[in-house]
Amino acid sequence: MQNRVKLLSAVYLLYLVLNILSGELRGVWSDVVFALSFALPTLLALGYIKKEDSDDIRAYLGLDSEGVKTTLLFLAPTIALTGSISYTTGLVLKFFFGELKAPSVPDDFLLAILVSALLPALIEEIMFRYLPMRVLSGAPRSRIIMLSSLFFAFAHASLYQIPYALVAGFLFMLLDLMAGSVLPSFILHFFNNVFSLVLIFCGENLVAKICLNVIGGLLFALSFALFLRERKRLIGKINQIFTPVKREESWLFSLLFVIPAFVVACGEFFA
């Protein structure tokens, strides 16, 4: 277990370094290094576990009908919870540090969905859900959730993003472990990103905001109805995941990545 946590810490640290380097470069080299920041750590980790394990690389890529229902149940609460935390964090940071830098998205909505919603969801779910599920397979599932949430949150290296990414990472991995697949978190991640983009493109348009509230209300109604129908199954699965486990200190090795990432995040405001 310790070696597996060290492996994840190392590959995510490599991701962080390459990501920072891509921001310092210009032109095509910036794009190349940015692409490598995702591809290289992922390939290194998958290459390592391929030697250690006999699992098919397609493991955790299926989704049955129960997984679909569970995904729909998580959809509205996840968007609402992460959105609320994001908004609150933004207010707190704005109070202490002034106006936050607005996120950069393409002007074309369809292009923005591709670049700022679909690709980030796909890449990050491979790196921060699929990899931990493969690398830490056999570990207590509650520990997988804790570690993957930490890695996902601090990989954002932003004091604004860390709080809501921590909660989102927890919910995403919980859902994936309940469904035995990485597809549910990809679906949630994608729609969460799309909802954020819609808010950005709506701006101060009152009619659009009313429509969003109506859609949100319908999603909550659907989620609540599914919860009432599936509550016994869901509660049973959650209880299985969070059963008491033997205490061990292997999670401390995640600090090899978390501490440098936190320093980078603080540098955003204190540099």
Foldseek 3Di string as FASTA:
>chain_A
DLVLLLLLLVLLLQLLVLLVVLVVDDDPVSVVSNVCSLVVSLVVLVVVLVVVDVDDLCFQADFDPVLVLLLLLVQLVLLVVLVVLLVVLLVVCCVVFNHDDDDDADPDLVRRLVPQFQVVLVRCLSSLAVSLCRSVPVPQLVVSLQLSLLSQLLSVLASSRNPSSSVLSNVQNLSSVLRRHSVSSSVSRRVSRSVVSQCVVCPPPPVSVVVVVVVSVVSNVSSVVSCVVCVVVVVVSVCSRPPDDDDDDSSVSSCSNNVVSNVSNVVVRPD
